[in-house]
Structures are given as structure tokens and as C-alpha cells.
Amino acid sequence: MTYKQISVGVGIPMIVVGALMAFIWAPTNTEFLETIEFVGGLIGILGVIFFVAGLLYSKEPILS
């Protein structure tokens, strides 16, 4: 069972916001270009981690 609220509610919006920051907002600001790209990339990477964590989450413990 996947926990879709984590994947859809947190992971995907973070990926979108990170991509928008890194690819659209950063080139328009020449003073803080590297900082905005770094923060946007970091938000995107954290979004991917939350997305994968939501896919792998199960409400019942898996006993092997």
C-alpha cells in the first residue's frame, strides 16, 4: 500500500517548485544566481526523496 498523501501532496509540489526556482527564477537574478540554483536543486532533490518515501511507505509492518 502506498501513502499517496506524501507522494502527491508533498513530493510532487516540491519537485515542481525546485525546478521552477532552478530553471526560471535563477537566470533572472544575476546577483544570487548560484544560491537560488542550489536552493532550487536542494528542494527538488528533497521532493524526490519524499516522493519515493511515500511510494515505499506501508501502514502495516512488513515481517520477513
PDB file of N, CA and C in Angstrom:
ATOM      1  N   MET A   1       0.842  -1.179   0.000  1.00  0.00           N
ATOM      2  CA  MET A   1       0.000   0.000   0.000  1.00  0.00           C
ATOM      3  C   MET A   1       0.886   1.242   0.000  1.00  0.00           C
ATOM      4  N   THR A   2       0.537   2.166  -0.835  1.00  0.00           N
ATOM      5  CA  THR A   2       1.317   3.400  -0.870  1.00  0.00           C
ATOM      6  C   THR A   2       0.608   4.488  -0.093  1.00  0.00           C
ATOM      7  N   TYR A   3       1.338   5.379   0.421  1.00  0.00           N
ATOM      8  CA  TYR A   3       0.797   6.503   1.153  1.00  0.00           C
ATOM      9  C   TYR A   3       0.803   7.697   0.202  1.00  0.00           C
ATOM     10  N   LYS A   4      -0.292   7.875  -0.523  1.00  0.00           N
ATOM     11  CA  LYS A   4      -0.351   8.832  -1.620  1.00  0.00           C
ATOM     12  C   LYS A   4      -0.310  10.280  -1.171  1.00  0.00           C
ATOM     13  N   GLN A   5      -0.686  10.573   0.055  1.00  0.00           N
ATOM     14  CA  GLN A   5      -0.651  11.953   0.514  1.00  0.00           C
ATOM     15  C   GLN A   5       0.780  12.476   0.572  1.00  0.00           C
ATOM     16  N   ILE A   6       1.727  11.636   0.924  1.00  0.00           N
ATOM     17  CA  ILE A   6       3.124  12.064   0.962  1.00  0.00           C
ATOM     18  C   ILE A   6       3.631  12.270  -0.455  1.00  0.00           C
ATOM     19  N   SER A   7       3.374  11.318  -1.341  1.00  0.00           N
ATOM     20  CA  SER A   7       3.888  11.408  -2.696  1.00  0.00           C
ATOM     21  C   SER A   7       3.262  12.558  -3.467  1.00  0.00           C
ATOM     22  N   VAL A   8       1.945  12.617  -3.473  1.00  0.00           N
ATOM     23  CA  VAL A   8       1.244  13.608  -4.292  1.00  0.00           C
ATOM     24  C   VAL A   8       1.186  14.964  -3.597  1.00  0.00           C
ATOM     25  N   GLY A   9       1.019  14.976  -2.305  1.00  0.00           N
ATOM     26  CA  GLY A   9       0.837  16.234  -1.594  1.00  0.00           C
ATOM     27  C   GLY A   9       2.113  16.963  -1.242  1.00  0.00           C
ATOM     28  N   VAL A  10       3.215  16.251  -1.104  1.00  0.00           N
ATOM     29  CA  VAL A  10       4.469  16.880  -0.703  1.00  0.00           C
ATOM     30  C   VAL A  10       5.548  16.705  -1.765  1.00  0.00           C
ATOM     31  N   GLY A  11       5.727  15.496  -2.241  1.00  0.00           N
ATOM     32  CA  GLY A  11       6.829  15.205  -3.157  1.00  0.00           C
ATOM     33  C   GLY A  11       6.731  15.925  -4.486  1.00  0.00           C
ATOM     34  N   ILE A  12       5.613  15.804  -5.163  1.00  0.00           N
ATOM     35  CA  ILE A  12       5.465  16.409  -6.492  1.00  0.00           C
ATOM     36  C   ILE A  12       5.502  17.939  -6.431  1.00  0.00           C
ATOM     37  N   PRO A  13       4.805  18.588  -5.489  1.00  0.00           N
ATOM     38  CA  PRO A  13       4.936  20.060  -5.432  1.00  0.00           C
ATOM     39  C   PRO A  13       6.357  20.536  -5.136  1.00  0.00           C
ATOM     40  N   MET A  14       7.096  19.805  -4.314  1.00  0.00           N
ATOM     41  CA  MET A  14       8.474  20.196  -4.042  1.00  0.00           C
ATOM     42  C   MET A  14       9.331  20.063  -5.283  1.00  0.00           C
ATOM     43  N   ILE A  15       9.119  19.014  -6.073  1.00  0.00           N
ATOM     44  CA  ILE A  15       9.873  18.835  -7.310  1.00  0.00           C
ATOM     45  C   ILE A  15       9.568  19.985  -8.270  1.00  0.00           C
ATOM     46  N   VAL A  16       8.296  20.344  -8.392  1.00  0.00           N
ATOM     47  CA  VAL A  16       7.891  21.422  -9.305  1.00  0.00           C
ATOM     48  C   VAL A  16       8.470  22.757  -8.857  1.00  0.00           C
ATOM     49  N   VAL A  17       8.364  23.073  -7.579  1.00  0.00           N
ATOM     50  CA  VAL A  17       8.884  24.346  -7.067  1.00  0.00           C
ATOM     51  C   VAL A  17      10.401  24.411  -7.217  1.00  0.00           C
ATOM     52  N   GLY A  18      11.079  23.321  -6.924  1.00  0.00           N
ATOM     53  CA  GLY A  18      12.533  23.301  -7.089  1.00  0.00           C
ATOM     54  C   GLY A  18      12.954  23.510  -8.530  1.00  0.00           C
ATOM     55  N   ALA A  19      12.249  22.881  -9.467  1.00  0.00           N
ATOM     56  CA  ALA A  19      12.574  23.060 -10.887  1.00  0.00           C
ATOM     57  C   ALA A  19      12.288  24.489 -11.334  1.00  0.00           C
ATOM     58  N   LEU A  20      11.178  25.060 -10.886  1.00  0.00           N
ATOM     59  CA  LEU A  20      10.869  26.445 -11.251  1.00  0.00           C
ATOM     60  C   LEU A  20      11.917  27.414 -10.701  1.00  0.00           C
ATOM     61  N   MET A  21      12.367  27.167  -9.482  1.00  0.00           N
ATOM     62  CA  MET A  21      13.400  28.038  -8.909  1.00  0.00           C
ATOM     63  C   MET A  21      14.704  27.921  -9.673  1.00  0.00           C
ATOM     64  N   ALA A  22      15.118  26.692  -9.971  1.00  0.00           N
ATOM     65  CA  ALA A  22      16.419  26.485 -10.586  1.00  0.00           C
ATOM     66  C   ALA A  22      16.454  26.910 -12.049  1.00  0.00           C
ATOM     67  N   PHE A  23      15.364  26.718 -12.776  1.00  0.00           N
ATOM     68  CA  PHE A  23      15.403  26.959 -14.216  1.00  0.00           C
ATOM     69  C   PHE A  23      14.752  28.259 -14.661  1.00  0.00           C
ATOM     70  N   ILE A  24      13.847  28.821 -13.872  1.00  0.00           N
ATOM     71  CA  ILE A  24      13.158  30.042 -14.304  1.00  0.00           C
ATOM     72  C   ILE A  24      13.573  31.250 -13.466  1.00  0.00           C
ATOM     73  N   TRP A  25      13.568  31.117 -12.147  1.00  0.00           N
ATOM     74  CA  TRP A  25      13.847  32.272 -11.306  1.00  0.00           C
ATOM     75  C   TRP A  25      15.344  32.605 -11.250  1.00  0.00           C
ATOM     76  N   ALA A  26      16.203  31.585 -11.183  1.00  0.00           N
ATOM     77  CA  ALA A  26      17.640  31.823 -11.039  1.00  0.00           C
ATOM     78  C   ALA A  26      18.243  32.625 -12.190  1.00  0.00           C
ATOM     79  N   PRO A  27      17.949  32.335 -13.458  1.00  0.00           N
ATOM     80  CA  PRO A  27      18.561  33.129 -14.537  1.00  0.00           C
ATOM     81  C   PRO A  27      18.128  34.597 -14.556  1.00  0.00           C
ATOM     82  N   THR A  28      17.001  34.925 -13.947  1.00  0.00           N
ATOM     83  CA  THR A  28      16.550  36.311 -13.947  1.00  0.00           C
ATOM     84  C   THR A  28      17.252  37.150 -12.891  1.00  0.00           C
ATOM     85  N   ASN A  29      17.875  36.525 -11.923  1.00  0.00           N
ATOM     86  CA  ASN A  29      18.538  37.236 -10.834  1.00  0.00           C
ATOM     87  C   ASN A  29      20.039  36.969 -10.932  1.00  0.00           C
ATOM     88  N   THR A  30      20.804  37.945 -11.382  1.00  0.00           N
ATOM     89  CA  THR A  30      22.242  37.733 -11.584  1.00  0.00           C
ATOM     90  C   THR A  30      23.040  37.828 -10.292  1.00  0.00           C
ATOM     91  N   GLU A  31      22.482  38.473  -9.270  1.00  0.00           N
ATOM     92  CA  GLU A  31      23.242  38.672  -8.034  1.00  0.00           C
ATOM     93  C   GLU A  31      23.345  37.389  -7.210  1.00  0.00           C
ATOM     94  N   PHE A  32      22.260  36.625  -7.112  1.00  0.00           N
ATOM     95  CA  PHE A  32      22.233  35.414  -6.293  1.00  0.00           C
ATOM     96  C   PHE A  32      21.991  34.169  -7.146  1.00  0.00           C
ATOM     97  N   LEU A  33      22.546  34.121  -8.331  1.00  0.00           N
ATOM     98  CA  LEU A  33      22.295  33.033  -9.275  1.00  0.00           C
ATOM     99  C   LEU A  33      22.637  31.669  -8.687  1.00  0.00           C
ATOM    100  N   GLU A  34      23.846  31.526  -8.166  1.00  0.00           N
ATOM    101  CA  GLU A  34      24.288  30.224  -7.653  1.00  0.00           C
ATOM    102  C   GLU A  34      23.486  29.803  -6.424  1.00  0.00           C
ATOM    103  N   THR A  35      23.156  30.740  -5.564  1.00  0.00           N
ATOM    104  CA  THR A  35      22.402  30.417  -4.357  1.00  0.00           C
ATOM    105  C   THR A  35      20.994  29.944  -4.696  1.00  0.00           C
ATOM    106  N   ILE A  36      20.332  30.629  -5.618  1.00  0.00           N
ATOM    107  CA  ILE A  36      18.974  30.237  -6.000  1.00  0.00           C
ATOM    108  C   ILE A  36      18.983  28.885  -6.701  1.00  0.00           C
ATOM    109  N   GLU A  37      19.984  28.641  -7.561  1.00  0.00           N
ATOM    110  CA  GLU A  37      20.083  27.329  -8.215  1.00  0.00           C
ATOM    111  C   GLU A  37      20.306  26.227  -7.190  1.00  0.00           C
ATOM    112  N   PHE A  38      21.162  26.490  -6.197  1.00  0.00           N
ATOM    113  CA  PHE A  38      21.442  25.493  -5.164  1.00  0.00           C
ATOM    114  C   PHE A  38      20.191  25.181  -4.348  1.00  0.00           C
ATOM    115  N   VAL A  39      19.488  26.214  -3.918  1.00  0.00           N
ATOM    116  CA  VAL A  39      18.289  26.005  -3.100  1.00  0.00           C
ATOM    117  C   VAL A  39      17.208  25.308  -3.918  1.00  0.00           C
ATOM    118  N   GLY A  40      17.031  25.704  -5.177  1.00  0.00           N
ATOM    119  CA  GLY A  40      16.043  25.050  -6.042  1.00  0.00           C
ATOM    120  C   GLY A  40      16.381  23.587  -6.274  1.00  0.00           C
ATOM    121  N   GLY A  41      17.659  23.300  -6.516  1.00  0.00           N
ATOM    122  CA  GLY A  41      18.069  21.906  -6.683  1.00  0.00           C
ATOM    123  C   GLY A  41      17.883  21.095  -5.411  1.00  0.00           C
ATOM    124  N   LEU A  42      18.182  21.692  -4.272  1.00  0.00           N
ATOM    125  CA  LEU A  42      18.014  21.010  -2.992  1.00  0.00           C
ATOM    126  C   LEU A  42      16.546  20.701  -2.714  1.00  0.00           C
ATOM    127  N   ILE A  43      15.673  21.665  -2.993  1.00  0.00           N
ATOM    128  CA  ILE A  43      14.236  21.427  -2.810  1.00  0.00           C
ATOM    129  C   ILE A  43      13.760  20.320  -3.741  1.00  0.00           C
ATOM    130  N   GLY A  44      14.240  20.316  -4.978  1.00  0.00           N
ATOM    131  CA  GLY A  44      13.861  19.267  -5.919  1.00  0.00           C
ATOM    132  C   GLY A  44      14.322  17.889  -5.481  1.00  0.00           C
ATOM    133  N   ILE A  45      15.550  17.802  -4.988  1.00  0.00           N
ATOM    134  CA  ILE A  45      16.076  16.517  -4.517  1.00  0.00           C
ATOM    135  C   ILE A  45      15.299  16.028  -3.301  1.00  0.00           C
ATOM    136  N   LEU A  46      14.984  16.924  -2.375  1.00  0.00           N
ATOM    137  CA  LEU A  46      14.171  16.533  -1.221  1.00  0.00           C
ATOM    138  C   LEU A  46      12.776  16.102  -1.647  1.00  0.00           C
ATOM    139  N   GLY A  47      12.241  16.736  -2.675  1.00  0.00           N
ATOM    140  CA  GLY A  47      10.946  16.326  -3.211  1.00  0.00           C
ATOM    141  C   GLY A  47      10.976  14.920  -3.769  1.00  0.00           C
ATOM    142  N   VAL A  48      12.065  14.575  -4.459  1.00  0.00           N
ATOM    143  CA  VAL A  48      12.210  13.209  -4.973  1.00  0.00           C
ATOM    144  C   VAL A  48      12.306  12.216  -3.824  1.00  0.00           C
ATOM    145  N   ILE A  49      13.025  12.577  -2.775  1.00  0.00           N
ATOM    146  CA  ILE A  49      13.147  11.684  -1.611  1.00  0.00           C
ATOM    147  C   ILE A  49      11.783  11.477  -0.948  1.00  0.00           C
ATOM    148  N   PHE A  50      11.005  12.554  -0.771  1.00  0.00           N
ATOM    149  CA  PHE A  50       9.660  12.416  -0.199  1.00  0.00           C
ATOM    150  C   PHE A  50       8.753  11.594  -1.110  1.00  0.00           C
ATOM    151  N   PHE A  51       8.877  11.775  -2.424  1.00  0.00           N
ATOM    152  CA  PHE A  51       8.057  11.021  -3.357  1.00  0.00           C
ATOM    153  C   PHE A  51       8.343   9.524  -3.252  1.00  0.00           C
ATOM    154  N   VAL A  52       9.608   9.158  -3.238  1.00  0.00           N
ATOM    155  CA  VAL A  52       9.981   7.737  -3.123  1.00  0.00           C
ATOM    156  C   VAL A  52       9.597   7.190  -1.755  1.00  0.00           C
ATOM    157  N   ALA A  53       9.772   7.988  -0.707  1.00  0.00           N
ATOM    158  CA  ALA A  53       9.383   7.535   0.633  1.00  0.00           C
ATOM    159  C   ALA A  53       7.887   7.283   0.712  1.00  0.00           C
ATOM    160  N   GLY A  54       7.095   8.104   0.031  1.00  0.00           N
ATOM    161  CA  GLY A  54       5.652   7.887   0.006  1.00  0.00           C
ATOM    162  C   GLY A  54       5.281   6.628  -0.737  1.00  0.00           C
ATOM    163  N   LEU A  55       6.036   6.292  -1.774  1.00  0.00           N
ATOM    164  CA  LEU A  55       5.759   5.054  -2.507  1.00  0.00           C
ATOM    165  C   LEU A  55       6.116   3.816  -1.695  1.00  0.00           C
ATOM    166  N   LEU A  56       7.144   3.924  -0.878  1.00  0.00           N
ATOM    167  CA  LEU A  56       7.624   2.755  -0.131  1.00  0.00           C
ATOM    168  C   LEU A  56       6.987   2.625   1.247  1.00  0.00           C
ATOM    169  N   TYR A  57       6.188   3.594   1.662  1.00  0.00           N
ATOM    170  CA  TYR A  57       5.587   3.578   2.999  1.00  0.00           C
ATOM    171  C   TYR A  57       4.416   2.581   3.040  1.00  0.00           C
ATOM    172  N   SER A  58       4.372   1.838   4.108  1.00  0.00           N
ATOM    173  CA  SER A  58       3.228   0.944   4.319  1.00  0.00           C
ATOM    174  C   SER A  58       2.725   1.127   5.745  1.00  0.00           C
ATOM    175  N   LYS A  59       1.413   1.061   5.914  1.00  0.00           N
ATOM    176  CA  LYS A  59       0.834   1.280   7.230  1.00  0.00           C
ATOM    177  C   LYS A  59       1.016   0.064   8.128  1.00  0.00           C
ATOM    178  N   GLU A  60       1.154  -1.096   7.525  1.00  0.00           N
ATOM    179  CA  GLU A  60       1.338  -2.313   8.286  1.00  0.00           C
ATOM    180  C   GLU A  60       2.800  -2.723   8.233  1.00  0.00           C
ATOM    181  N   PRO A  61       3.353  -3.150   9.351  1.00  0.00           N
ATOM    182  CA  PRO A  61       4.758  -3.562   9.330  1.00  0.00           C
ATOM    183  C   PRO A  61       4.954  -4.802   8.448  1.00  0.00           C
ATOM    184  N   ILE A  62       6.027  -4.810   7.724  1.00  0.00           N
ATOM    185  CA  ILE A  62       6.361  -5.941   6.856  1.00  0.00           C
ATOM    186  C   ILE A  62       7.324  -6.847   7.616  1.00  0.00           C
ATOM    187  N   LEU A  63       6.854  -8.060   7.891  1.00  0.00           N
ATOM    188  CA  LEU A  63       7.682  -9.024   8.601  1.00  0.00           C
ATOM    189  C   LEU A  63       8.196 -10.048   7.611  1.00  0.00           C
ATOM    190  N   SER A  64       9.503 -10.203   7.592  1.00  0.00           N
ATOM    191  CA  SER A  64      10.062 -11.194   6.665  1.00  0.00           C
ATOM    192  C   SER A  64      10.634 -12.380   7.379  1.00  0.00           C
TER     193      SER A  64
END
